[in-house]
Amino acid sequence: MSSAHDKEIEFAWQVRRALDENAARIPSATVDRLAAARRTALARKKPEAVRAPAFAPVLVAGPAALPAAAGNLSPRRGSKLRRFALAWPIAALVVGLVAIAYWEDQQRTAELADIDAAMLSDDLPLTAYLDHGFNAYLSRAR
């Protein structure tokens, strides 16, 4: 792998030498136009945005979470309760997402059942069965 990397570096040096040698051959009028174009481009350059430091809120632990050196020598109480307090929002989120997915599936099933019922009970033209937008046809017919 290093030989390929060495070849790339050697190629880059050859390109650099060729550009340096040919840069001296550029007519002075072209050099002046390039310099003017560079000055124009730099004048039109948008100023860089000033970045202000952003501050984020930090949660501070209560006295039960202080180290023993701070005077808290008793063992932590209610750790199971704390774990439950941290886990129930995640569980509620998962249950909510499952409920939403189930409800959307039921809605889609009901819509398809309505389409099937409309197809079986209506007198539709034969072209409706061949149409690729059959569901759109049925929704417009309601």
Protein backbone atom coordinates (compact mmCIF):
# COMPACT_ATOMS: atom_id res chain seq x y z
CA MET A 1 0.00 0.00 0.00
CA SER A 2 2.89 2.34 0.73
CA SER A 3 4.19 1.92 -2.83
CA ALA A 4 0.88 3.20 -4.23
CA HIS A 5 1.03 6.09 -1.77
CA ASP A 6 4.63 6.83 -2.81
CA LYS A 7 3.60 6.79 -6.48
CA GLU A 8 0.82 9.28 -5.76
CA ILE A 9 3.23 11.60 -3.96
CA GLU A 10 5.76 11.34 -6.80
CA PHE A 11 3.01 12.13 -9.33
CA ALA A 12 1.96 15.16 -7.27
CA TRP A 13 5.55 16.43 -7.24
CA GLN A 14 5.82 16.00 -11.02
CA VAL A 15 2.60 17.94 -11.54
CA ARG A 16 3.84 20.68 -9.21
CA ARG A 17 7.18 20.96 -11.10
CA ALA A 18 5.37 21.14 -14.45
CA LEU A 19 3.05 23.86 -13.21
CA ASP A 20 5.94 25.85 -11.72
CA GLU A 21 7.94 25.61 -14.97
CA ASN A 22 5.00 26.68 -17.12
CA ALA A 23 3.93 29.48 -14.77
CA ALA A 24 6.97 31.49 -15.88
CA ARG A 25 5.84 31.24 -19.52
CA ILE A 26 2.44 32.88 -18.98
CA PRO A 27 2.21 36.29 -20.71
CA SER A 28 2.20 39.32 -18.40
CA ALA A 29 -1.21 40.46 -19.67
CA THR A 30 -2.72 37.12 -18.61
CA VAL A 31 -1.01 37.36 -15.21
CA ASP A 32 -2.46 40.87 -14.75
CA ARG A 33 -5.97 39.68 -15.68
CA LEU A 34 -5.68 36.73 -13.28
CA ALA A 35 -4.54 39.06 -10.49
CA ALA A 36 -7.44 41.41 -11.16
CA ALA A 37 -9.89 38.50 -11.17
CA ARG A 38 -8.46 37.31 -7.86
CA ARG A 39 -8.82 40.76 -6.29
CA THR A 40 -12.42 40.96 -7.56
CA ALA A 41 -13.22 37.51 -6.17
CA LEU A 42 -11.73 38.41 -2.79
CA ALA A 43 -13.73 41.66 -2.71
CA ARG A 44 -16.97 39.76 -3.40
CA LYS A 45 -16.23 37.06 -0.86
CA LYS A 46 -18.85 36.81 1.83
CA PRO A 47 -17.58 37.56 5.31
CA GLU A 48 -17.18 34.51 7.48
CA ALA A 49 -19.90 34.04 10.05
CA VAL A 50 -18.93 34.96 13.56
CA ARG A 51 -19.44 31.98 15.79
CA ALA A 52 -20.51 32.69 19.32
CA PRO A 53 -20.06 30.04 21.95
CA ALA A 54 -23.20 28.04 22.63
CA PHE A 55 -24.09 27.12 26.16
CA ALA A 56 -26.02 23.97 26.97
CA PRO A 57 -27.88 23.38 30.21
CA VAL A 58 -26.26 20.91 32.57
CA LEU A 59 -28.14 18.68 34.95
CA VAL A 60 -26.76 18.80 38.46
CA ALA A 61 -26.97 15.69 40.60
CA GLY A 62 -28.85 15.86 43.88
CA PRO A 63 -27.23 15.31 47.28
CA ALA A 64 -27.77 11.52 47.10
CA ALA A 65 -25.41 11.29 44.12
CA LEU A 66 -22.50 13.18 45.73
CA PRO A 67 -19.33 11.19 46.36
CA ALA A 68 -18.45 9.91 49.81
CA ALA A 69 -15.82 12.63 50.20
CA ALA A 70 -18.61 15.19 50.23
CA GLY A 71 -20.08 13.67 53.37
CA ASN A 72 -22.52 11.13 51.91
CA LEU A 73 -21.46 7.88 53.61
CA SER A 74 -24.82 6.10 53.52
CA PRO A 75 -25.60 3.63 50.72
CA ARG A 76 -27.92 4.77 47.96
CA ARG A 77 -31.56 4.15 48.77
CA GLY A 78 -34.34 3.54 46.32
CA SER A 79 -32.11 2.56 43.43
CA LYS A 80 -34.84 0.26 42.04
CA LEU A 81 -37.32 3.09 42.25
CA ARG A 82 -34.89 5.39 40.43
CA ARG A 83 -34.33 2.80 37.72
CA PHE A 84 -38.08 2.48 37.27
CA ALA A 85 -38.40 6.26 37.18
CA LEU A 86 -35.84 6.36 34.37
CA ALA A 87 -37.25 3.38 32.47
CA TRP A 88 -40.97 4.15 32.43
CA PRO A 89 -40.75 7.02 29.90
CA ILE A 90 -38.92 4.72 27.50
CA ALA A 91 -41.49 1.98 28.04
CA ALA A 92 -44.32 4.48 27.53
CA LEU A 93 -42.71 5.63 24.29
CA VAL A 94 -42.42 2.07 22.98
CA VAL A 95 -46.03 1.29 23.92
CA GLY A 96 -47.15 4.52 22.25
CA LEU A 97 -45.29 3.73 19.04
CA VAL A 98 -46.75 0.23 18.94
CA ALA A 99 -50.24 1.64 19.51
CA ILE A 100 -49.82 4.19 16.72
CA ALA A 101 -48.58 1.52 14.31
CA TYR A 102 -51.53 -0.73 15.19
CA TRP A 103 -54.02 2.13 14.77
CA GLU A 104 -52.55 3.09 11.37
CA ASP A 105 -52.73 -0.54 10.25
CA GLN A 106 -56.38 -0.70 11.28
CA GLN A 107 -57.12 2.53 9.38
CA ARG A 108 -55.46 1.19 6.25
CA THR A 109 -57.37 -2.09 6.54
CA ALA A 110 -60.64 -0.18 6.92
CA GLU A 111 -59.87 1.93 3.83
CA LEU A 112 -59.10 -1.16 1.78
CA ALA A 113 -62.31 -2.80 2.99
CA ASP A 114 -64.28 0.28 1.92
CA ILE A 115 -62.66 0.14 -1.51
CA ASP A 116 -63.44 -3.56 -1.85
CA ALA A 117 -67.04 -2.99 -0.75
CA ALA A 118 -67.44 -0.15 -3.24
CA MET A 119 -65.97 -2.28 -6.00
CA LEU A 120 -68.29 -5.21 -5.28
CA SER A 121 -71.47 -3.20 -4.78
CA ASP A 122 -71.21 -0.53 -7.51
CA ASP A 123 -71.75 -0.75 -11.22
CA LEU A 124 -68.37 0.31 -12.47
CA PRO A 125 -67.37 0.63 -16.09
CA LEU A 126 -64.98 -2.03 -17.34
CA THR A 127 -62.25 0.56 -17.91
CA ALA A 128 -62.14 1.23 -14.17
CA TYR A 129 -60.85 -2.28 -13.56
CA LEU A 130 -58.06 -1.75 -16.11
CA ASP A 131 -57.10 1.71 -14.83
CA HIS A 132 -53.85 1.93 -12.86
CA GLY A 133 -55.36 4.68 -10.72
CA PHE A 134 -58.31 2.54 -9.63
CA ASN A 135 -58.07 3.60 -6.00
CA ALA A 136 -58.09 7.24 -7.10
CA TYR A 137 -61.16 6.56 -9.24
CA LEU A 138 -62.99 5.06 -6.31
CA SER A 139 -62.07 7.90 -3.96
CA ARG A 140 -63.36 10.45 -6.51
CA ALA A 141 -66.59 8.51 -7.03
CA ARG A 142 -67.63 8.82 -3.37
